[in-house]
Structure formats: structure tokens, C-alpha cells
Amino acid sequence: MEAEPLPEQVQGLLQDLDGFAAAPGGQQKEKLTELGPLVSDASAQVKKLIDEDLAALNKKMNDAGVPHIVPKPATQHRDDGDEEQDW
């Protein structure tokens, strides 16, 4: 059976943890331990993509007279479910 994509796994864990007054249970702690390094690695890959790969592509596009690709700013979800800009 194929594992769910990382964003869905993280979202599922966050939904499990949301609203509980107690500390995470054993299964949730295991999932946090499992997903932590995966999220860190994925974040590093996205940062490299934006900082290096996209910058190099934009330079080539500039040299060719084509407009830049500008990534949309990251958003943070508030507790009420509305999106809020945080950067």
C-alpha cells in the first residue's frame, strides 16, 4: 500500500492533535518523530528550489527578456481556519 503524501500525513496528525487538552499519545508521538525529519527535508528542498533553482531560472529568463516567476508568500492558518499572512 502506498503511503499518503507528506502534506496529507502532516495535516492528519495536526487534526488529531487539534483540540486535545492532554499531551499527545504514543501513536501521535511516534508519528511526530517519523514526520519531523521528513518535513525538515522537504522544507530544505523547497528552500533550495526557491533560493537557487528559481533564481537561476529567473536569471536565464531575464537574459532572454522574459519576466520573473515570483513565488506567492507563505501563509499561516489561524485557529479559526482563516488564512493569515505571516511574512
N, C-alpha and C. Protein backbone atom coordinates (compact mmCIF):
# COMPACT_ATOMS: atom_id res chain seq x y z
N MET A 1 0.83 -1.18 0.00
CA MET A 1 0.00 0.00 0.00
C MET A 1 0.88 1.24 0.00
N GLU A 2 0.57 2.18 -0.85
CA GLU A 2 1.36 3.40 -0.99
C GLU A 2 1.03 4.38 0.14
N ALA A 3 2.08 4.98 0.72
CA ALA A 3 1.88 5.95 1.80
C ALA A 3 1.25 7.23 1.27
N GLU A 4 0.50 7.89 2.14
CA GLU A 4 -0.10 9.18 1.77
C GLU A 4 1.03 10.20 1.53
N PRO A 5 0.78 11.20 0.68
CA PRO A 5 1.77 12.27 0.51
C PRO A 5 2.02 12.98 1.85
N LEU A 6 3.22 13.50 2.01
CA LEU A 6 3.64 14.14 3.26
C LEU A 6 2.66 15.23 3.73
N PRO A 7 2.19 16.14 2.87
CA PRO A 7 1.26 17.16 3.38
C PRO A 7 0.00 16.57 4.00
N GLU A 8 -0.53 15.51 3.42
CA GLU A 8 -1.73 14.88 3.97
C GLU A 8 -1.43 14.20 5.30
N GLN A 9 -0.25 13.60 5.42
CA GLN A 9 0.13 12.97 6.68
C GLN A 9 0.23 14.00 7.79
N VAL A 10 0.88 15.13 7.49
CA VAL A 10 1.05 16.19 8.48
C VAL A 10 -0.32 16.78 8.85
N GLN A 11 -1.15 17.03 7.86
CA GLN A 11 -2.48 17.59 8.12
C GLN A 11 -3.30 16.64 8.99
N GLY A 12 -3.23 15.35 8.71
CA GLY A 12 -3.95 14.37 9.51
C GLY A 12 -3.49 14.37 10.96
N LEU A 13 -2.18 14.45 11.17
CA LEU A 13 -1.64 14.50 12.53
C LEU A 13 -2.08 15.77 13.24
N LEU A 14 -2.03 16.90 12.53
CA LEU A 14 -2.47 18.16 13.14
C LEU A 14 -3.94 18.11 13.53
N GLN A 15 -4.75 17.49 12.70
CA GLN A 15 -6.17 17.35 13.03
C GLN A 15 -6.36 16.45 14.25
N ASP A 16 -5.56 15.39 14.36
CA ASP A 16 -5.63 14.52 15.53
C ASP A 16 -5.27 15.27 16.81
N LEU A 17 -4.29 16.15 16.71
CA LEU A 17 -3.80 16.86 17.89
C LEU A 17 -4.65 18.08 18.24
N ASP A 18 -5.32 18.66 17.26
CA ASP A 18 -6.08 19.88 17.47
C ASP A 18 -7.23 19.67 18.44
N GLY A 19 -7.32 20.51 19.42
CA GLY A 19 -8.44 20.46 20.34
C GLY A 19 -8.25 19.57 21.54
N PHE A 20 -7.18 18.80 21.63
CA PHE A 20 -6.96 17.94 22.78
C PHE A 20 -6.31 18.74 23.90
N ALA A 21 -6.78 18.54 25.11
CA ALA A 21 -6.21 19.22 26.28
C ALA A 21 -5.05 18.42 26.87
N ALA A 22 -4.94 17.15 26.53
CA ALA A 22 -3.89 16.28 27.07
C ALA A 22 -2.68 16.25 26.13
N ALA A 23 -1.60 15.72 26.65
CA ALA A 23 -0.38 15.56 25.83
C ALA A 23 -0.64 14.53 24.74
N PRO A 24 0.11 14.60 23.65
CA PRO A 24 -0.06 13.60 22.57
C PRO A 24 0.15 12.18 23.10
N GLY A 25 -0.61 11.24 22.54
CA GLY A 25 -0.48 9.83 22.92
C GLY A 25 0.71 9.19 22.23
N GLY A 26 0.94 7.92 22.54
CA GLY A 26 2.09 7.20 22.00
C GLY A 26 2.12 7.15 20.49
N GLN A 27 0.96 6.87 19.86
CA GLN A 27 0.91 6.79 18.40
C GLN A 27 1.18 8.16 17.77
N GLN A 28 0.65 9.20 18.39
CA GLN A 28 0.88 10.55 17.87
C GLN A 28 2.34 10.96 18.04
N LYS A 29 2.95 10.60 19.15
CA LYS A 29 4.38 10.90 19.36
C LYS A 29 5.24 10.17 18.32
N GLU A 30 4.88 8.91 18.03
CA GLU A 30 5.62 8.15 17.01
C GLU A 30 5.50 8.84 15.65
N LYS A 31 4.29 9.31 15.32
CA LYS A 31 4.07 9.98 14.04
C LYS A 31 4.85 11.29 13.99
N LEU A 32 4.88 12.04 15.11
CA LEU A 32 5.67 13.28 15.17
C LEU A 32 7.15 12.98 14.93
N THR A 33 7.65 11.91 15.55
CA THR A 33 9.05 11.52 15.38
C THR A 33 9.32 11.11 13.93
N GLU A 34 8.38 10.42 13.33
CA GLU A 34 8.53 9.97 11.94
C GLU A 34 8.48 11.15 10.96
N LEU A 35 7.51 12.05 11.16
CA LEU A 35 7.30 13.13 10.19
C LEU A 35 8.27 14.30 10.36
N GLY A 36 8.80 14.51 11.56
CA GLY A 36 9.70 15.64 11.79
C GLY A 36 10.84 15.73 10.79
N PRO A 37 11.64 14.67 10.64
CA PRO A 37 12.75 14.73 9.67
C PRO A 37 12.26 14.86 8.22
N LEU A 38 11.12 14.24 7.90
CA LEU A 38 10.59 14.34 6.53
C LEU A 38 10.18 15.77 6.21
N VAL A 39 9.55 16.43 7.18
CA VAL A 39 9.14 17.82 6.98
C VAL A 39 10.38 18.72 6.86
N SER A 40 11.38 18.48 7.70
CA SER A 40 12.62 19.26 7.63
C SER A 40 13.30 19.11 6.27
N ASP A 41 13.37 17.87 5.79
CA ASP A 41 13.99 17.60 4.49
C ASP A 41 13.20 18.27 3.36
N ALA A 42 11.87 18.13 3.41
CA ALA A 42 11.04 18.75 2.37
C ALA A 42 11.17 20.26 2.40
N SER A 43 11.24 20.85 3.59
CA SER A 43 11.40 22.30 3.71
C SER A 43 12.74 22.75 3.12
N ALA A 44 13.78 21.98 3.37
CA ALA A 44 15.10 22.31 2.82
C ALA A 44 15.08 22.22 1.29
N GLN A 45 14.38 21.22 0.76
CA GLN A 45 14.29 21.09 -0.69
C GLN A 45 13.52 22.26 -1.31
N VAL A 46 12.45 22.68 -0.67
CA VAL A 46 11.68 23.83 -1.17
C VAL A 46 12.53 25.09 -1.11
N LYS A 47 13.25 25.28 0.01
CA LYS A 47 14.11 26.46 0.14
C LYS A 47 15.16 26.49 -0.96
N LYS A 48 15.80 25.34 -1.24
CA LYS A 48 16.80 25.28 -2.31
C LYS A 48 16.16 25.60 -3.65
N LEU A 49 14.99 25.03 -3.88
CA LEU A 49 14.29 25.27 -5.14
C LEU A 49 14.05 26.77 -5.34
N ILE A 50 13.58 27.44 -4.30
CA ILE A 50 13.29 28.88 -4.41
C ILE A 50 14.57 29.70 -4.46
N ASP A 51 15.50 29.42 -3.54
CA ASP A 51 16.71 30.24 -3.42
C ASP A 51 17.71 30.04 -4.56
N GLU A 52 17.83 28.80 -5.06
CA GLU A 52 18.86 28.52 -6.06
C GLU A 52 18.26 28.26 -7.44
N ASP A 53 17.41 27.25 -7.53
CA ASP A 53 16.91 26.84 -8.84
C ASP A 53 16.04 27.91 -9.49
N LEU A 54 15.11 28.48 -8.73
CA LEU A 54 14.24 29.51 -9.28
C LEU A 54 15.04 30.77 -9.60
N ALA A 55 16.00 31.09 -8.75
CA ALA A 55 16.85 32.26 -9.02
C ALA A 55 17.63 32.07 -10.33
N ALA A 56 18.17 30.87 -10.55
CA ALA A 56 18.91 30.59 -11.79
C ALA A 56 17.99 30.65 -13.00
N LEU A 57 16.78 30.10 -12.86
CA LEU A 57 15.81 30.16 -13.95
C LEU A 57 15.44 31.61 -14.25
N ASN A 58 15.19 32.40 -13.20
CA ASN A 58 14.84 33.81 -13.42
C ASN A 58 15.98 34.57 -14.10
N LYS A 59 17.24 34.24 -13.76
CA LYS A 59 18.38 34.90 -14.41
C LYS A 59 18.37 34.59 -15.90
N LYS A 60 18.16 33.31 -16.23
CA LYS A 60 18.11 32.93 -17.65
C LYS A 60 16.95 33.61 -18.36
N MET A 61 15.83 33.71 -17.67
CA MET A 61 14.67 34.37 -18.27
C MET A 61 14.93 35.86 -18.45
N ASN A 62 15.61 36.49 -17.46
CA ASN A 62 15.97 37.91 -17.59
C ASN A 62 16.86 38.12 -18.80
N ASP A 63 17.85 37.23 -18.92
CA ASP A 63 18.77 37.34 -20.04
C ASP A 63 18.04 37.23 -21.38
N ALA A 64 16.92 36.47 -21.36
CA ALA A 64 16.13 36.29 -22.59
C ALA A 64 15.00 37.33 -22.70
N GLY A 65 14.88 38.22 -21.67
CA GLY A 65 13.84 39.25 -21.71
C GLY A 65 12.45 38.77 -21.30
N VAL A 66 12.39 37.66 -20.57
CA VAL A 66 11.11 37.11 -20.10
C VAL A 66 10.94 37.51 -18.63
N PRO A 67 9.72 37.92 -18.19
CA PRO A 67 9.52 38.34 -16.79
C PRO A 67 9.80 37.23 -15.78
N HIS A 68 10.12 37.63 -14.56
CA HIS A 68 10.40 36.72 -13.45
C HIS A 68 9.18 35.89 -13.06
N ILE A 69 9.49 34.75 -12.45
CA ILE A 69 8.48 33.97 -11.74
C ILE A 69 8.67 34.32 -10.28
N VAL A 70 7.61 34.83 -9.63
CA VAL A 70 7.70 35.23 -8.23
C VAL A 70 6.81 34.30 -7.40
N PRO A 71 7.40 33.57 -6.43
CA PRO A 71 6.57 32.68 -5.62
C PRO A 71 5.63 33.47 -4.72
N LYS A 72 4.45 32.93 -4.48
CA LYS A 72 3.46 33.53 -3.60
C LYS A 72 3.97 33.42 -2.16
N PRO A 73 3.80 34.47 -1.35
CA PRO A 73 4.26 34.40 0.05
C PRO A 73 3.57 33.27 0.81
N ALA A 74 4.29 32.71 1.76
CA ALA A 74 3.73 31.64 2.59
C ALA A 74 2.60 32.20 3.45
N THR A 75 1.65 31.36 3.79
CA THR A 75 0.56 31.76 4.66
C THR A 75 0.55 30.86 5.87
N GLN A 76 -0.03 31.38 6.94
CA GLN A 76 -0.17 30.61 8.17
C GLN A 76 -1.65 30.55 8.50
N HIS A 77 -2.13 29.39 8.88
CA HIS A 77 -3.53 29.24 9.23
C HIS A 77 -3.72 29.59 10.70
N ARG A 78 -4.74 30.41 10.96
CA ARG A 78 -5.09 30.73 12.34
C ARG A 78 -5.99 29.64 12.88
N ASP A 79 -6.21 29.66 14.19
CA ASP A 79 -7.05 28.63 14.83
C ASP A 79 -8.47 28.63 14.32
N ASP A 80 -8.97 29.80 13.83
CA ASP A 80 -10.36 29.85 13.36
C ASP A 80 -10.49 29.38 11.92
N GLY A 81 -9.37 28.93 11.32
CA GLY A 81 -9.42 28.38 9.97
C GLY A 81 -9.16 29.38 8.88
N ASP A 82 -9.18 30.68 9.18
CA ASP A 82 -8.88 31.69 8.17
C ASP A 82 -7.38 31.76 7.95
N GLU A 83 -7.01 32.08 6.71
CA GLU A 83 -5.58 32.21 6.42
C GLU A 83 -5.11 33.59 6.84
N GLU A 84 -3.88 33.65 7.31
CA GLU A 84 -3.29 34.90 7.74
C GLU A 84 -1.89 34.98 7.17
N GLN A 85 -1.54 36.09 6.55
CA GLN A 85 -0.19 36.27 6.05
C GLN A 85 0.74 36.41 7.24
N ASP A 86 1.87 35.68 7.21
CA ASP A 86 2.81 35.82 8.31
C ASP A 86 4.19 36.31 7.86
N TRP A 87 4.33 36.59 6.52
CA TRP A 87 5.61 37.15 6.05
C TRP A 87 5.37 38.01 4.89
